[in-house]
Amino acid sequence: MAALVAALGDSNSDAAAKAEVLLIRYYGSRATEFLIAATNDPNPEVRFRAVWILGKSRDPRAFESILKLTKDSDPRVRYDAAIALGIHGDDRAISYLTELARTPDPDSSVDSAAVMGLSHLSVHEK
């Protein structure tokens, strides 16, 4: 599993996407701890893919790591982390996403990503 997590940062985007699919389909919640650790990887591509998988996992253990990535140094990671918070479906995200949505962010558009995250949360509540 550690090799698949490392492959998330592969410069070959097909290989990275394949690793992402394998982690979701075949390892599921067993990969959560590896993916949480990957949120600290120096490679933003690894963090970017890890946050998506963690969001899709809906595993409660992932919430804090996804939240942390909304403040990542890479704008793409921040943007996707805001959406992943909504996909994750944890109601604790509402106040964080609301605050992000209210804070203009012309550099990375995290404010608009937060709105998308909130819309994903509202779908989960129905």
C-alpha atoms as a PDB file:
ATOM      1  CA  MET A   1       0.000   0.000   0.000  1.00  0.00           C
ATOM      2  CA  ALA A   2       2.840   2.400   0.771  1.00  0.00           C
ATOM      3  CA  ALA A   3       4.117   1.944  -2.789  1.00  0.00           C
ATOM      4  CA  LEU A   4       0.712   2.911  -4.185  1.00  0.00           C
ATOM      5  CA  VAL A   5       0.590   6.025  -2.022  1.00  0.00           C
ATOM      6  CA  ALA A   6       4.075   6.969  -3.233  1.00  0.00           C
ATOM      7  CA  ALA A   7       2.906   6.414  -6.823  1.00  0.00           C
ATOM      8  CA  LEU A   8       0.331   9.181  -6.360  1.00  0.00           C
ATOM      9  CA  GLY A   9       3.196  11.580  -7.052  1.00  0.00           C
ATOM     10  CA  ASP A  10       4.411   9.781 -10.176  1.00  0.00           C
ATOM     11  CA  SER A  11       5.306  12.176 -12.986  1.00  0.00           C
ATOM     12  CA  ASN A  12       3.374   9.864 -15.304  1.00  0.00           C
ATOM     13  CA  SER A  13      -0.182  11.018 -14.656  1.00  0.00           C
ATOM     14  CA  ASP A  14      -1.604   7.691 -15.887  1.00  0.00           C
ATOM     15  CA  ALA A  15       0.435   5.795 -13.286  1.00  0.00           C
ATOM     16  CA  ALA A  16      -0.635   8.228 -10.564  1.00  0.00           C
ATOM     17  CA  ALA A  17      -4.293   7.929 -11.568  1.00  0.00           C
ATOM     18  CA  LYS A  18      -4.014   4.124 -11.592  1.00  0.00           C
ATOM     19  CA  ALA A  19      -2.606   4.191  -8.051  1.00  0.00           C
ATOM     20  CA  GLU A  20      -5.490   6.425  -6.984  1.00  0.00           C
ATOM     21  CA  VAL A  21      -8.079   4.028  -8.419  1.00  0.00           C
ATOM     22  CA  LEU A  22      -6.427   1.011  -6.807  1.00  0.00           C
ATOM     23  CA  LEU A  23      -6.340   2.716  -3.411  1.00  0.00           C
ATOM     24  CA  ILE A  24     -10.033   3.591  -3.641  1.00  0.00           C
ATOM     25  CA  ARG A  25     -11.334   0.316  -5.060  1.00  0.00           C
ATOM     26  CA  TYR A  26      -9.196  -2.302  -3.406  1.00  0.00           C
ATOM     27  CA  TYR A  27      -7.927  -0.843  -0.165  1.00  0.00           C
ATOM     28  CA  GLY A  28     -10.641   1.571   0.945  1.00  0.00           C
ATOM     29  CA  SER A  29     -10.498   2.376   4.635  1.00  0.00           C
ATOM     30  CA  ARG A  30      -7.404   0.193   5.076  1.00  0.00           C
ATOM     31  CA  ALA A  31      -5.496   2.900   3.175  1.00  0.00           C
ATOM     32  CA  THR A  32      -6.687   5.777   5.371  1.00  0.00           C
ATOM     33  CA  GLU A  33      -3.681   5.917   7.688  1.00  0.00           C
ATOM     34  CA  PHE A  34      -1.271   5.779   4.729  1.00  0.00           C
ATOM     35  CA  LEU A  35      -3.206   8.567   3.011  1.00  0.00           C
ATOM     36  CA  ILE A  36      -3.324  10.704   6.140  1.00  0.00           C
ATOM     37  CA  ALA A  37       0.461  10.391   6.321  1.00  0.00           C
ATOM     38  CA  ALA A  38       0.625  11.343   2.625  1.00  0.00           C
ATOM     39  CA  THR A  39      -1.001  14.705   3.414  1.00  0.00           C
ATOM     40  CA  ASN A  40       2.418  15.684   4.807  1.00  0.00           C
ATOM     41  CA  ASP A  41       4.328  14.600   1.692  1.00  0.00           C
ATOM     42  CA  PRO A  42       6.578  17.320   0.236  1.00  0.00           C
ATOM     43  CA  ASN A  43       5.188  16.604  -3.250  1.00  0.00           C
ATOM     44  CA  PRO A  44       1.983  18.613  -3.814  1.00  0.00           C
ATOM     45  CA  GLU A  45       0.798  16.041  -6.371  1.00  0.00           C
ATOM     46  CA  VAL A  46       0.743  13.388  -3.627  1.00  0.00           C
ATOM     47  CA  ARG A  47      -1.168  15.723  -1.279  1.00  0.00           C
ATOM     48  CA  PHE A  48      -3.577  16.659  -4.084  1.00  0.00           C
ATOM     49  CA  ARG A  49      -4.458  13.049  -4.881  1.00  0.00           C
ATOM     50  CA  ALA A  50      -4.481  11.968  -1.231  1.00  0.00           C
ATOM     51  CA  VAL A  51      -7.024  14.655  -0.308  1.00  0.00           C
ATOM     52  CA  TRP A  52      -9.380  13.457  -3.058  1.00  0.00           C
ATOM     53  CA  ILE A  53      -9.198   9.870  -1.917  1.00  0.00           C
ATOM     54  CA  LEU A  54      -9.689  10.860   1.715  1.00  0.00           C
ATOM     55  CA  GLY A  55     -12.705  12.958   0.783  1.00  0.00           C
ATOM     56  CA  LYS A  56     -14.261  10.094  -1.145  1.00  0.00           C
ATOM     57  CA  SER A  57     -13.542   7.687   1.704  1.00  0.00           C
ATOM     58  CA  ARG A  58     -15.893   9.513   4.077  1.00  0.00           C
ATOM     59  CA  ASP A  59     -13.761   7.979   6.845  1.00  0.00           C
ATOM     60  CA  PRO A  60     -14.128  10.111  10.028  1.00  0.00           C
ATOM     61  CA  ARG A  61     -10.391   9.730  10.707  1.00  0.00           C
ATOM     62  CA  ALA A  62      -9.663  11.781   7.575  1.00  0.00           C
ATOM     63  CA  PHE A  63     -11.523  14.964   8.525  1.00  0.00           C
ATOM     64  CA  GLU A  64      -8.695  16.817  10.300  1.00  0.00           C
ATOM     65  CA  SER A  65      -6.190  16.010   7.553  1.00  0.00           C
ATOM     66  CA  ILE A  66      -8.508  17.251   4.827  1.00  0.00           C
ATOM     67  CA  LEU A  67      -9.214  20.391   6.844  1.00  0.00           C
ATOM     68  CA  LYS A  68      -5.496  21.026   7.310  1.00  0.00           C
ATOM     69  CA  LEU A  69      -4.976  20.923   3.539  1.00  0.00           C
ATOM     70  CA  THR A  70      -7.353  23.878   3.062  1.00  0.00           C
ATOM     71  CA  LYS A  71      -4.348  25.906   4.288  1.00  0.00           C
ATOM     72  CA  ASP A  72      -1.742  24.073   2.167  1.00  0.00           C
ATOM     73  CA  SER A  73       1.070  26.016   0.485  1.00  0.00           C
ATOM     74  CA  ASP A  74      -0.053  24.773  -2.955  1.00  0.00           C
ATOM     75  CA  PRO A  75      -3.156  26.565  -4.311  1.00  0.00           C
ATOM     76  CA  ARG A  76      -4.412  23.480  -6.161  1.00  0.00           C
ATOM     77  CA  VAL A  77      -4.259  21.410  -2.982  1.00  0.00           C
ATOM     78  CA  ARG A  78      -6.136  24.129  -1.037  1.00  0.00           C
ATOM     79  CA  TYR A  79      -8.807  24.326  -3.723  1.00  0.00           C
ATOM     80  CA  ASP A  80      -9.389  20.584  -3.866  1.00  0.00           C
ATOM     81  CA  ALA A  81      -9.279  20.215  -0.090  1.00  0.00           C
ATOM     82  CA  ALA A  82     -12.214  22.616   0.224  1.00  0.00           C
ATOM     83  CA  ILE A  83     -14.254  20.537  -2.214  1.00  0.00           C
ATOM     84  CA  ALA A  84     -13.106  17.288  -0.579  1.00  0.00           C
ATOM     85  CA  LEU A  85     -14.398  18.530   2.789  1.00  0.00           C
ATOM     86  CA  GLY A  86     -17.879  18.645   1.306  1.00  0.00           C
ATOM     87  CA  ILE A  87     -17.527  15.303  -0.453  1.00  0.00           C
ATOM     88  CA  HIS A  88     -16.349  13.811   2.837  1.00  0.00           C
ATOM     89  CA  GLY A  89     -19.752  14.689   4.265  1.00  0.00           C
ATOM     90  CA  ASP A  90     -18.832  15.543   7.854  1.00  0.00           C
ATOM     91  CA  ASP A  91     -21.090  18.273   9.276  1.00  0.00           C
ATOM     92  CA  ARG A  92     -18.102  19.733  11.149  1.00  0.00           C
ATOM     93  CA  ALA A  93     -17.021  21.135   7.766  1.00  0.00           C
ATOM     94  CA  ILE A  94     -19.962  23.548   7.541  1.00  0.00           C
ATOM     95  CA  SER A  95     -18.461  26.330   9.656  1.00  0.00           C
ATOM     96  CA  TYR A  96     -15.011  25.991   8.047  1.00  0.00           C
ATOM     97  CA  LEU A  97     -16.393  25.977   4.515  1.00  0.00           C
ATOM     98  CA  THR A  98     -18.694  28.913   5.286  1.00  0.00           C
ATOM     99  CA  GLU A  99     -15.730  30.924   6.528  1.00  0.00           C
ATOM    100  CA  LEU A 100     -13.652  30.003   3.463  1.00  0.00           C
ATOM    101  CA  ALA A 101     -16.555  30.948   1.181  1.00  0.00           C
ATOM    102  CA  ARG A 102     -16.772  34.381   2.824  1.00  0.00           C
ATOM    103  CA  THR A 103     -13.052  35.068   2.445  1.00  0.00           C
ATOM    104  CA  PRO A 104     -12.154  36.359  -1.036  1.00  0.00           C
ATOM    105  CA  ASP A 105      -9.267  34.398  -2.527  1.00  0.00           C
ATOM    106  CA  PRO A 106      -8.296  35.692  -5.970  1.00  0.00           C
ATOM    107  CA  ASP A 107      -5.079  33.638  -6.042  1.00  0.00           C
ATOM    108  CA  SER A 108      -6.490  30.122  -5.717  1.00  0.00           C
ATOM    109  CA  SER A 109     -10.300  30.548  -5.720  1.00  0.00           C
ATOM    110  CA  VAL A 110     -10.653  28.548  -2.513  1.00  0.00           C
ATOM    111  CA  ASP A 111     -13.714  30.675  -1.772  1.00  0.00           C
ATOM    112  CA  SER A 112     -15.550  29.254  -4.786  1.00  0.00           C
ATOM    113  CA  ALA A 113     -14.282  25.747  -3.970  1.00  0.00           C
ATOM    114  CA  ALA A 114     -15.768  26.159  -0.488  1.00  0.00           C
ATOM    115  CA  VAL A 115     -19.147  26.947  -2.032  1.00  0.00           C
ATOM    116  CA  MET A 116     -18.864  23.738  -4.058  1.00  0.00           C
ATOM    117  CA  GLY A 117     -17.910  21.874  -0.896  1.00  0.00           C
ATOM    118  CA  LEU A 118     -20.992  23.235   0.863  1.00  0.00           C
ATOM    119  CA  SER A 119     -23.171  22.121  -2.027  1.00  0.00           C
ATOM    120  CA  HIS A 120     -21.762  18.593  -1.712  1.00  0.00           C
ATOM    121  CA  LEU A 121     -22.577  18.656   2.005  1.00  0.00           C
ATOM    122  CA  SER A 122     -26.170  19.655   1.316  1.00  0.00           C
ATOM    123  CA  VAL A 123     -26.530  16.665  -1.019  1.00  0.00           C
ATOM    124  CA  HIS A 124     -25.354  14.364   1.792  1.00  0.00           C
ATOM    125  CA  GLU A 125     -27.982  15.783   4.156  1.00  0.00           C
ATOM    126  CA  LYS A 126     -30.946  14.877   1.929  1.00  0.00           C
END
